[in-house]
Amino acid sequence: MSSLAILIDFGSTFTKITAVDLAKAEVIGRSQAPSTVLTDVREGLLQGLENLHERHALFNAVPKDLSVLNGKVVPGTLYPTPLTLQPWCSSTGGPVQPGDAGCS
């Protein structure tokens, strides 16, 4: 599949993988494996790719190395989103607006 993109999130506990068909703009499948941050992160990635292939047969064969990713990985960085807290008015069921009275 030429429009296949593999998105990878290396986490401290799990390595998460998402396969996306870019031509159709849809998710094909997801997989995860325990992260192997104490040894070699590629081990957990390869296990996740094997799991993904077992469920969705995305590659020509079960991945034995990371060459299956050639041309399929979308580079990027996860950016944290700032959390903004907004006061909530329980009596109206919505955000507190300027001049609201009686919110509890």
N, C-alpha and C. Protein backbone atom coordinates (compact mmCIF):
# COMPACT_ATOMS: atom_id res chain seq x y z
N MET A 1 0.86 -1.17 0.00
CA MET A 1 0.00 0.00 0.00
C MET A 1 0.91 1.24 0.00
N SER A 2 0.84 2.01 -1.05
CA SER A 2 1.76 3.15 -1.19
C SER A 2 1.36 4.34 -0.34
N SER A 3 0.12 4.40 0.08
CA SER A 3 -0.32 5.55 0.88
C SER A 3 -0.34 5.24 2.37
N LEU A 4 0.37 4.20 2.79
CA LEU A 4 0.42 3.79 4.19
C LEU A 4 1.41 4.66 4.95
N ALA A 5 0.97 5.19 6.08
CA ALA A 5 1.86 5.92 6.99
C ALA A 5 1.79 5.23 8.34
N ILE A 6 2.93 5.13 8.99
CA ILE A 6 3.02 4.52 10.31
C ILE A 6 3.37 5.62 11.31
N LEU A 7 2.50 5.83 12.28
CA LEU A 7 2.72 6.83 13.33
C LEU A 7 3.14 6.10 14.59
N ILE A 8 4.21 6.57 15.23
CA ILE A 8 4.78 5.86 16.37
C ILE A 8 4.88 6.81 17.55
N ASP A 9 4.46 6.33 18.71
CA ASP A 9 4.59 7.07 19.97
C ASP A 9 5.39 6.19 20.92
N PHE A 10 6.64 6.58 21.16
CA PHE A 10 7.48 5.86 22.11
C PHE A 10 7.17 6.40 23.50
N GLY A 11 6.45 5.64 24.28
CA GLY A 11 6.13 6.04 25.64
C GLY A 11 7.02 5.31 26.63
N SER A 12 6.97 5.74 27.87
CA SER A 12 7.81 5.10 28.89
C SER A 12 7.29 3.72 29.26
N THR A 13 6.00 3.46 29.05
CA THR A 13 5.41 2.17 29.38
C THR A 13 5.10 1.36 28.13
N PHE A 14 4.48 2.00 27.14
CA PHE A 14 4.11 1.31 25.91
C PHE A 14 4.57 2.09 24.70
N THR A 15 4.90 1.36 23.65
CA THR A 15 5.14 1.94 22.34
C THR A 15 3.85 1.73 21.55
N LYS A 16 3.24 2.85 21.13
CA LYS A 16 1.97 2.77 20.42
C LYS A 16 2.19 3.05 18.94
N ILE A 17 1.51 2.28 18.10
CA ILE A 17 1.66 2.39 16.66
C ILE A 17 0.28 2.53 16.03
N THR A 18 0.15 3.46 15.10
CA THR A 18 -1.09 3.64 14.36
C THR A 18 -0.76 3.61 12.88
N ALA A 19 -1.50 2.81 12.12
CA ALA A 19 -1.34 2.74 10.67
C ALA A 19 -2.46 3.55 10.03
N VAL A 20 -2.09 4.44 9.11
CA VAL A 20 -3.05 5.33 8.47
C VAL A 20 -2.94 5.20 6.96
N ASP A 21 -4.09 5.12 6.29
CA ASP A 21 -4.14 5.18 4.83
C ASP A 21 -4.30 6.66 4.49
N LEU A 22 -3.24 7.28 4.00
CA LEU A 22 -3.27 8.72 3.72
C LEU A 22 -4.20 9.06 2.55
N ALA A 23 -4.32 8.16 1.58
CA ALA A 23 -5.18 8.42 0.43
C ALA A 23 -6.65 8.49 0.83
N LYS A 24 -7.04 7.65 1.78
CA LYS A 24 -8.43 7.62 2.24
C LYS A 24 -8.65 8.44 3.51
N ALA A 25 -7.55 8.91 4.10
CA ALA A 25 -7.61 9.66 5.37
C ALA A 25 -8.36 8.87 6.43
N GLU A 26 -7.94 7.61 6.61
CA GLU A 26 -8.57 6.80 7.64
C GLU A 26 -7.54 5.92 8.35
N VAL A 27 -7.84 5.64 9.60
CA VAL A 27 -7.00 4.77 10.41
C VAL A 27 -7.26 3.33 10.01
N ILE A 28 -6.20 2.61 9.72
CA ILE A 28 -6.32 1.20 9.36
C ILE A 28 -6.29 0.32 10.60
N GLY A 29 -5.41 0.65 11.52
CA GLY A 29 -5.31 -0.16 12.72
C GLY A 29 -4.33 0.42 13.72
N ARG A 30 -4.40 -0.11 14.92
CA ARG A 30 -3.53 0.32 16.02
C ARG A 30 -2.95 -0.90 16.70
N SER A 31 -1.79 -0.68 17.32
CA SER A 31 -1.13 -1.74 18.05
C SER A 31 -0.28 -1.10 19.14
N GLN A 32 0.08 -1.91 20.11
CA GLN A 32 1.02 -1.44 21.12
C GLN A 32 1.79 -2.63 21.66
N ALA A 33 2.94 -2.31 22.21
CA ALA A 33 3.79 -3.32 22.84
C ALA A 33 4.50 -2.63 23.99
N PRO A 34 4.92 -3.40 24.98
CA PRO A 34 5.67 -2.79 26.08
C PRO A 34 6.92 -2.08 25.55
N SER A 35 7.17 -0.89 26.03
CA SER A 35 8.37 -0.16 25.64
C SER A 35 9.60 -0.86 26.21
N THR A 36 10.67 -0.80 25.47
CA THR A 36 11.91 -1.44 25.90
C THR A 36 12.98 -0.37 26.08
N VAL A 37 12.65 0.62 26.90
CA VAL A 37 13.54 1.77 27.08
C VAL A 37 14.81 1.41 27.85
N LEU A 38 14.80 0.33 28.59
CA LEU A 38 15.98 -0.05 29.35
C LEU A 38 16.98 -0.86 28.53
N THR A 39 16.55 -1.35 27.37
CA THR A 39 17.46 -2.13 26.53
C THR A 39 17.62 -1.43 25.18
N ASP A 40 16.65 -1.60 24.29
CA ASP A 40 16.71 -1.01 22.96
C ASP A 40 15.27 -0.73 22.52
N VAL A 41 14.92 0.53 22.31
CA VAL A 41 13.54 0.87 21.98
C VAL A 41 13.06 0.20 20.69
N ARG A 42 14.00 -0.20 19.85
CA ARG A 42 13.61 -0.86 18.60
C ARG A 42 12.97 -2.22 18.85
N GLU A 43 13.30 -2.87 19.96
CA GLU A 43 12.70 -4.17 20.28
C GLU A 43 11.19 -4.04 20.49
N GLY A 44 10.77 -3.06 21.27
CA GLY A 44 9.35 -2.83 21.50
C GLY A 44 8.64 -2.39 20.23
N LEU A 45 9.31 -1.57 19.43
CA LEU A 45 8.74 -1.13 18.16
C LEU A 45 8.51 -2.31 17.23
N LEU A 46 9.50 -3.18 17.13
CA LEU A 46 9.36 -4.35 16.26
C LEU A 46 8.23 -5.26 16.73
N GLN A 47 8.11 -5.45 18.04
CA GLN A 47 7.01 -6.27 18.57
C GLN A 47 5.66 -5.63 18.23
N GLY A 48 5.56 -4.31 18.36
CA GLY A 48 4.32 -3.62 18.01
C GLY A 48 3.99 -3.74 16.53
N LEU A 49 5.01 -3.67 15.67
CA LEU A 49 4.79 -3.84 14.22
C LEU A 49 4.34 -5.26 13.91
N GLU A 50 4.93 -6.25 14.59
CA GLU A 50 4.50 -7.64 14.39
C GLU A 50 3.04 -7.81 14.81
N ASN A 51 2.66 -7.23 15.94
CA ASN A 51 1.26 -7.30 16.41
C ASN A 51 0.32 -6.64 15.41
N LEU A 52 0.73 -5.48 14.88
CA LEU A 52 -0.09 -4.76 13.90
C LEU A 52 -0.27 -5.60 12.65
N HIS A 53 0.80 -6.22 12.18
CA HIS A 53 0.72 -7.05 10.98
C HIS A 53 -0.17 -8.28 11.21
N GLU A 54 -0.08 -8.88 12.38
CA GLU A 54 -0.92 -10.05 12.67
C GLU A 54 -2.40 -9.71 12.58
N ARG A 55 -2.77 -8.51 12.98
CA ARG A 55 -4.19 -8.11 12.97
C ARG A 55 -4.65 -7.56 11.63
N HIS A 56 -3.73 -6.91 10.88
CA HIS A 56 -4.17 -6.17 9.69
C HIS A 56 -3.41 -6.50 8.41
N ALA A 57 -2.43 -7.41 8.46
CA ALA A 57 -1.66 -7.83 7.27
C ALA A 57 -1.24 -6.64 6.41
N LEU A 58 -0.53 -5.70 7.01
CA LEU A 58 -0.14 -4.47 6.31
C LEU A 58 1.12 -4.61 5.49
N PHE A 59 1.97 -5.56 5.82
CA PHE A 59 3.26 -5.71 5.16
C PHE A 59 3.26 -6.99 4.34
N ASN A 60 4.27 -7.15 3.49
CA ASN A 60 4.35 -8.35 2.66
C ASN A 60 4.56 -9.61 3.49
N ALA A 61 5.18 -9.46 4.65
CA ALA A 61 5.44 -10.57 5.56
C ALA A 61 5.54 -10.02 6.97
N VAL A 62 5.55 -10.92 7.95
CA VAL A 62 5.72 -10.49 9.33
C VAL A 62 7.05 -9.75 9.45
N PRO A 63 7.05 -8.55 9.99
CA PRO A 63 8.31 -7.79 10.10
C PRO A 63 9.35 -8.52 10.96
N LYS A 64 10.55 -8.64 10.42
CA LYS A 64 11.67 -9.24 11.16
C LYS A 64 12.71 -8.18 11.52
N ASP A 65 12.61 -7.02 10.87
CA ASP A 65 13.48 -5.89 11.17
C ASP A 65 12.71 -4.61 10.82
N LEU A 66 13.32 -3.48 11.04
CA LEU A 66 12.62 -2.21 10.86
C LEU A 66 12.63 -1.69 9.43
N SER A 67 13.15 -2.48 8.48
CA SER A 67 13.16 -2.04 7.08
C SER A 67 11.74 -1.88 6.53
N VAL A 68 10.74 -2.51 7.17
CA VAL A 68 9.35 -2.35 6.71
C VAL A 68 8.88 -0.92 6.85
N LEU A 69 9.59 -0.12 7.63
CA LEU A 69 9.20 1.28 7.85
C LEU A 69 9.73 2.24 6.80
N ASN A 70 10.64 1.76 5.94
CA ASN A 70 11.23 2.64 4.94
C ASN A 70 10.16 3.35 4.12
N GLY A 71 10.17 4.67 4.18
CA GLY A 71 9.21 5.48 3.42
C GLY A 71 7.82 5.53 4.01
N LYS A 72 7.60 4.98 5.19
CA LYS A 72 6.26 4.91 5.76
C LYS A 72 6.10 5.65 7.08
N VAL A 73 7.18 6.15 7.64
CA VAL A 73 7.11 6.82 8.94
C VAL A 73 6.93 8.31 8.72
N VAL A 74 5.96 8.88 9.40
CA VAL A 74 5.72 10.32 9.34
C VAL A 74 6.48 10.95 10.51
N PRO A 75 7.54 11.72 10.22
CA PRO A 75 8.29 12.32 11.33
C PRO A 75 7.48 13.40 12.02
N GLY A 76 7.68 13.53 13.29
CA GLY A 76 6.95 14.56 14.02
C GLY A 76 7.30 14.51 15.49
N THR A 77 6.74 15.44 16.19
CA THR A 77 6.97 15.55 17.62
C THR A 77 5.64 15.78 18.30
N LEU A 78 5.46 15.16 19.45
CA LEU A 78 4.27 15.41 20.23
C LEU A 78 4.50 16.66 21.07
N TYR A 79 3.59 17.59 20.97
CA TYR A 79 3.70 18.81 21.75
C TYR A 79 2.63 18.80 22.84
N PRO A 80 3.01 19.08 24.06
CA PRO A 80 1.98 19.15 25.11
C PRO A 80 1.05 20.33 24.87
N THR A 81 -0.22 20.12 25.14
CA THR A 81 -1.20 21.18 25.01
C THR A 81 -1.41 21.82 26.36
N PRO A 82 -1.30 23.15 26.43
CA PRO A 82 -1.52 23.78 27.74
C PRO A 82 -2.95 23.58 28.21
N LEU A 83 -3.09 23.36 29.47
CA LEU A 83 -4.41 23.16 30.08
C LEU A 83 -4.92 24.50 30.59
N THR A 84 -6.09 24.88 30.14
CA THR A 84 -6.70 26.11 30.61
C THR A 84 -7.94 25.76 31.40
N LEU A 85 -7.97 26.17 32.64
CA LEU A 85 -9.13 25.90 33.48
C LEU A 85 -10.08 27.09 33.40
N GLN A 86 -11.35 26.77 33.28
CA GLN A 86 -12.36 27.82 33.20
C GLN A 86 -13.40 27.56 34.28
N PRO A 87 -13.76 28.60 35.04
CA PRO A 87 -14.79 28.40 36.07
C PRO A 87 -16.10 27.92 35.44
N TRP A 88 -16.78 27.01 36.14
CA TRP A 88 -18.03 26.42 35.65
C TRP A 88 -19.15 26.78 36.61
N CYS A 89 -20.27 27.15 36.05
CA CYS A 89 -21.42 27.55 36.85
C CYS A 89 -22.39 26.37 36.94
N SER A 90 -22.52 25.80 38.14
CA SER A 90 -23.37 24.61 38.28
C SER A 90 -24.85 24.94 38.12
N SER A 91 -25.26 26.18 38.43
CA SER A 91 -26.69 26.50 38.33
C SER A 91 -27.13 26.68 36.88
N THR A 92 -26.23 27.11 35.98
CA THR A 92 -26.61 27.27 34.57
C THR A 92 -26.09 26.13 33.71
N GLY A 93 -25.14 25.36 34.26
CA GLY A 93 -24.58 24.24 33.50
C GLY A 93 -23.61 24.68 32.43
N GLY A 94 -23.03 25.86 32.56
CA GLY A 94 -22.09 26.33 31.56
C GLY A 94 -20.97 27.13 32.20
N PRO A 95 -20.08 27.65 31.37
CA PRO A 95 -18.98 28.44 31.90
C PRO A 95 -19.48 29.73 32.53
N VAL A 96 -18.75 30.18 33.54
CA VAL A 96 -19.10 31.44 34.20
C VAL A 96 -18.81 32.57 33.21
N GLN A 97 -19.81 33.40 33.03
CA GLN A 97 -19.69 34.57 32.16
C GLN A 97 -19.52 35.82 33.01
N PRO A 98 -18.90 36.87 32.45
CA PRO A 98 -18.79 38.10 33.22
C PRO A 98 -20.17 38.58 33.67
N GLY A 99 -20.27 38.92 34.93
CA GLY A 99 -21.54 39.41 35.50
C GLY A 99 -22.46 38.33 36.00
N ASP A 100 -22.10 37.04 35.84
CA ASP A 100 -22.95 35.97 36.37
C ASP A 100 -23.05 36.08 37.89
N ALA A 101 -24.23 35.95 38.39
CA ALA A 101 -24.44 35.96 39.84
C ALA A 101 -25.14 34.68 40.22
N GLY A 102 -24.88 34.21 41.40
CA GLY A 102 -25.57 33.03 41.91
C GLY A 102 -24.97 31.72 41.48
N CYS A 103 -23.80 31.73 40.89
CA CYS A 103 -23.16 30.47 40.51
C CYS A 103 -22.58 29.83 41.77
N SER A 104 -22.74 28.52 41.86
CA SER A 104 -22.19 27.83 43.03
C SER A 104 -21.36 26.66 42.59
